[in-house]
Amino acid sequence: MSSVLSMETIKHSEEMLRTALISNHKDFIDMYQKYTPNVKRLLEEAFKANSILFKPIELQSKSDWILSHPEPKQDFYTYYTNSHRKTPVPGENIICIQIIGTLTHEIGHIFGMQHCQWLQCIVQGSNHLEESDRRPIDLCPICLRKLQCAINFDIKERFKALLRWIEEDSKSDPLVQPMLTSHKPTEAFQNWKVSAAFGGVKFNQLDSLRNGQV
């Protein structure tokens, strides 16, 4: 069966978009009214049929996400009232790990890497958050070699740089410090540093790499 699809545009009515953004619940309407007029003007550009900022979704293939992964639409009210949603909490590191894992995963795709099916790897595919959280935040040796081929870095030096980044406080970097309001959460990586692997090399072996013994 052909995967080609005649161009299809998903257009929602202004009422539907307004409900998705603001909600029909009075307390949520009141919450929305706390935004400044300029912020509301920006957000409400979504309601304009010919907005140059926010455009309808266009589908061009049967493999496009919305067609191949049907799921209920999540409006702001559904998101906000979800008891399982996560927000950053001081002292908890899961959000930091998830952000770095997601960035690493998507960067792999940018360089042409498909979902890994060889070993536990950050480039494994996932269908839900719990499955995503089971992935390590490092590359398996096969995907590490793919990435090294794509951008031509020194694998040994990469390990050493990663360990330095984890151990060093970003406050010491004058280029990074002005952008941060707190210390880099290096503690988020301590358990992973001991037990996880980057490209098959355990972190307890990286000290040897740093000392030039490998």
Protein backbone atom coordinates (compact mmCIF):
# COMPACT_ATOMS: atom_id res chain seq x y z
CA MET A 1 0.00 0.00 0.00
CA SER A 2 1.35 3.38 -0.94
CA SER A 3 2.37 5.70 1.87
CA VAL A 4 1.78 8.75 -0.33
CA LEU A 5 -1.05 10.97 0.84
CA SER A 6 -2.69 13.89 -0.85
CA MET A 7 -1.88 17.00 1.15
CA GLU A 8 -4.25 17.19 4.09
CA THR A 9 -4.52 20.15 6.45
CA ILE A 10 -5.89 19.78 9.96
CA LYS A 11 -7.91 22.88 10.72
CA HIS A 12 -9.52 23.43 14.12
CA SER A 13 -12.23 25.98 14.76
CA GLU A 14 -11.45 29.07 16.82
CA GLU A 15 -13.74 27.77 19.55
CA MET A 16 -11.87 24.46 19.73
CA LEU A 17 -8.47 26.16 19.83
CA ARG A 18 -9.66 28.63 22.46
CA THR A 19 -10.89 25.78 24.65
CA ALA A 20 -7.61 23.90 24.15
CA LEU A 21 -5.56 26.94 25.15
CA ILE A 22 -7.71 28.47 27.90
CA SER A 23 -10.42 25.93 28.91
CA ASN A 24 -14.09 26.43 29.73
CA HIS A 25 -13.49 26.08 33.46
CA LYS A 26 -13.77 29.37 35.34
CA ASP A 27 -10.69 28.85 37.49
CA PHE A 28 -8.63 28.15 34.37
CA ILE A 29 -10.07 31.20 32.62
CA ASP A 30 -9.06 33.27 35.66
CA MET A 31 -5.59 31.74 35.53
CA TYR A 32 -5.27 32.69 31.88
CA GLN A 33 -6.31 36.28 32.57
CA LYS A 34 -3.20 36.72 34.70
CA TYR A 35 -1.09 36.87 31.55
CA THR A 36 -0.20 40.36 30.37
CA PRO A 37 -2.09 41.76 27.35
CA ASN A 38 0.98 41.34 25.16
CA VAL A 39 1.39 37.68 26.09
CA LYS A 40 -2.32 37.01 25.48
CA ARG A 41 -2.09 38.79 22.12
CA LEU A 42 0.76 36.46 21.14
CA LEU A 43 -1.00 33.28 22.28
CA GLU A 44 -4.26 34.26 20.64
CA GLU A 45 -2.59 34.54 17.26
CA ALA A 46 -3.41 30.83 17.12
CA PHE A 47 -7.10 31.68 16.65
CA LYS A 48 -6.52 33.65 13.42
CA ALA A 49 -7.22 31.67 10.27
CA ASN A 50 -4.37 33.34 8.38
CA SER A 51 -1.88 33.75 11.20
CA ILE A 52 1.70 34.07 10.03
CA LEU A 53 2.98 32.78 13.40
CA PHE A 54 0.98 29.62 14.04
CA LYS A 55 -0.14 27.49 11.11
CA PRO A 56 -2.36 24.39 10.83
CA ILE A 57 -0.69 20.97 10.76
CA GLU A 58 -0.15 19.58 7.26
CA LEU A 59 -0.13 15.83 6.62
CA GLN A 60 1.75 14.55 3.59
CA SER A 61 2.24 10.84 4.29
CA LYS A 62 0.36 8.00 5.96
CA SER A 63 3.45 7.54 8.12
CA ASP A 64 3.15 11.06 9.55
CA TRP A 65 2.87 10.93 13.33
CA ILE A 66 -0.78 11.91 13.78
CA LEU A 67 -1.99 9.27 11.32
CA SER A 68 0.33 6.46 12.41
CA HIS A 69 0.06 7.10 16.17
CA PRO A 70 -3.58 8.04 16.88
CA GLU A 71 -4.04 9.33 20.41
CA PRO A 72 -6.42 11.68 22.26
CA LYS A 73 -5.64 15.38 21.94
CA GLN A 74 -4.13 16.87 25.09
CA ASP A 75 -5.40 20.38 25.76
CA PHE A 76 -4.00 22.60 28.52
CA TYR A 77 -6.69 21.57 31.02
CA THR A 78 -5.96 17.85 30.49
CA TYR A 79 -2.25 18.50 30.86
CA TYR A 80 -2.58 20.64 33.99
CA THR A 81 -4.93 18.25 35.79
CA ASN A 82 -2.89 15.13 35.00
CA SER A 83 -1.74 13.81 38.38
CA HIS A 84 1.22 12.07 36.74
CA ARG A 85 2.72 15.07 34.99
CA LYS A 86 6.17 16.06 36.17
CA THR A 87 7.61 19.45 36.97
CA PRO A 88 11.14 20.27 38.10
CA VAL A 89 11.54 19.82 41.85
CA PRO A 90 14.66 21.06 43.70
CA GLY A 91 16.72 18.08 44.80
CA GLU A 92 15.17 15.69 42.28
CA ASN A 93 17.28 14.83 39.27
CA ILE A 94 14.95 12.85 36.99
CA ILE A 95 13.98 15.87 34.90
CA CYS A 96 17.63 16.71 34.19
CA ILE A 97 18.34 13.12 33.14
CA GLN A 98 15.24 13.05 30.91
CA ILE A 99 16.15 16.31 29.19
CA ILE A 100 19.70 15.19 28.44
CA GLY A 101 18.49 11.77 27.31
CA THR A 102 15.92 13.27 24.95
CA LEU A 103 18.44 15.73 23.49
CA THR A 104 20.99 12.95 22.92
CA HIS A 105 18.34 10.71 21.32
CA GLU A 106 17.12 13.39 18.92
CA ILE A 107 20.65 14.49 18.02
CA GLY A 108 21.25 10.90 16.92
CA HIS A 109 18.34 11.20 14.49
CA ILE A 110 19.70 14.48 13.14
CA PHE A 111 22.82 12.58 12.08
CA GLY A 112 20.79 9.85 10.36
CA MET A 113 20.75 7.24 13.15
CA GLN A 114 17.63 5.08 13.31
CA HIS A 115 16.23 3.60 16.53
CA CYS A 116 18.71 1.12 18.02
CA GLN A 117 17.72 -2.56 18.25
CA TRP A 118 21.11 -3.98 19.23
CA LEU A 119 21.81 -3.22 22.90
CA GLN A 120 20.44 -0.98 25.63
CA CYS A 121 21.05 2.47 24.18
CA ILE A 122 19.79 6.04 24.31
CA VAL A 123 18.79 5.73 20.65
CA GLN A 124 16.27 2.95 21.40
CA GLY A 125 12.72 3.89 20.44
CA SER A 126 10.00 4.26 23.08
CA ASN A 127 6.23 4.57 23.04
CA HIS A 128 5.72 5.99 26.53
CA LEU A 129 7.59 7.79 29.30
CA GLU A 130 8.14 4.71 31.45
CA GLU A 131 9.81 2.93 28.53
CA SER A 132 11.84 6.04 27.78
CA ASP A 133 13.04 6.21 31.40
CA ARG A 134 14.35 2.63 31.18
CA ARG A 135 16.83 3.61 28.48
CA PRO A 136 20.39 4.42 29.55
CA ILE A 137 21.52 7.93 28.69
CA ASP A 138 24.53 6.68 26.79
CA LEU A 139 25.19 5.19 23.37
CA CYS A 140 25.84 1.51 22.76
CA PRO A 141 29.14 0.79 20.94
CA ILE A 142 27.38 0.38 17.59
CA CYS A 143 25.62 3.74 17.79
CA LEU A 144 28.73 5.37 19.25
CA ARG A 145 30.63 4.27 16.15
CA LYS A 146 27.84 5.70 13.93
CA LEU A 147 28.05 9.06 15.70
CA GLN A 148 31.85 9.06 15.54
CA CYS A 149 31.66 8.38 11.81
CA ALA A 150 29.19 11.25 11.37
CA ILE A 151 31.16 13.97 13.16
CA ASN A 152 34.67 12.51 13.42
CA PHE A 153 35.56 12.93 17.12
CA ASP A 154 38.18 11.15 19.22
CA ILE A 155 36.29 8.51 21.23
CA LYS A 156 38.80 8.45 24.07
CA GLU A 157 38.82 12.24 24.36
CA ARG A 158 35.01 12.24 24.34
CA PHE A 159 34.93 9.96 27.40
CA LYS A 160 37.42 12.19 29.19
CA ALA A 161 35.46 15.34 28.34
CA LEU A 162 32.18 13.78 29.54
CA LEU A 163 33.71 12.84 32.85
CA ARG A 164 35.17 16.31 33.29
CA TRP A 165 31.79 17.86 32.52
CA ILE A 166 30.08 15.68 35.11
CA GLU A 167 32.66 16.33 37.81
CA GLU A 168 33.33 20.02 37.27
CA ASP A 169 31.06 22.77 38.53
CA SER A 170 29.80 24.95 35.68
CA LYS A 171 30.17 27.97 38.01
CA SER A 172 33.87 27.82 37.22
CA ASP A 173 33.20 28.45 33.54
CA PRO A 174 32.84 32.22 32.92
CA LEU A 175 31.06 31.55 29.62
CA VAL A 176 28.41 29.36 31.24
CA GLN A 177 27.97 31.00 34.62
CA PRO A 178 26.02 34.11 33.50
CA MET A 179 23.33 31.91 31.95
CA LEU A 180 22.73 29.91 35.12
CA THR A 181 20.95 30.74 38.35
CA SER A 182 22.29 27.74 40.26
CA HIS A 183 25.04 25.16 40.15
CA LYS A 184 24.92 22.60 37.36
CA PRO A 185 23.17 19.54 38.86
CA THR A 186 26.15 17.22 38.52
CA GLU A 187 24.74 15.14 41.39
CA ALA A 188 22.11 13.97 38.89
CA PHE A 189 24.76 11.81 37.25
CA GLN A 190 26.42 10.19 40.26
CA ASN A 191 24.50 6.88 40.30
CA TRP A 192 24.68 6.72 36.52
CA LYS A 193 28.40 7.49 36.63
CA VAL A 194 29.03 4.35 38.65
CA SER A 195 26.67 1.92 36.98
CA ALA A 196 26.05 3.06 33.41
CA ALA A 197 28.33 2.91 30.39
CA PHE A 198 29.24 5.26 27.58
CA GLY A 199 29.80 3.15 24.50
CA GLY A 200 30.42 0.02 26.58
CA VAL A 201 33.11 1.56 28.83
CA LYS A 202 32.14 1.66 32.52
CA PHE A 203 32.62 4.96 34.26
CA ASN A 204 34.91 3.30 36.77
CA GLN A 205 37.21 2.72 33.77
CA LEU A 206 37.10 6.33 32.67
CA ASP A 207 39.53 7.38 35.37
CA SER A 208 42.06 5.19 33.59
CA LEU A 209 41.20 6.93 30.33
CA ARG A 210 41.77 10.29 31.95
CA ASN A 211 45.18 9.17 33.16
CA GLY A 212 46.16 7.89 29.73
CA GLN A 213 46.30 4.26 30.86
CA VAL A 214 43.95 2.93 28.15
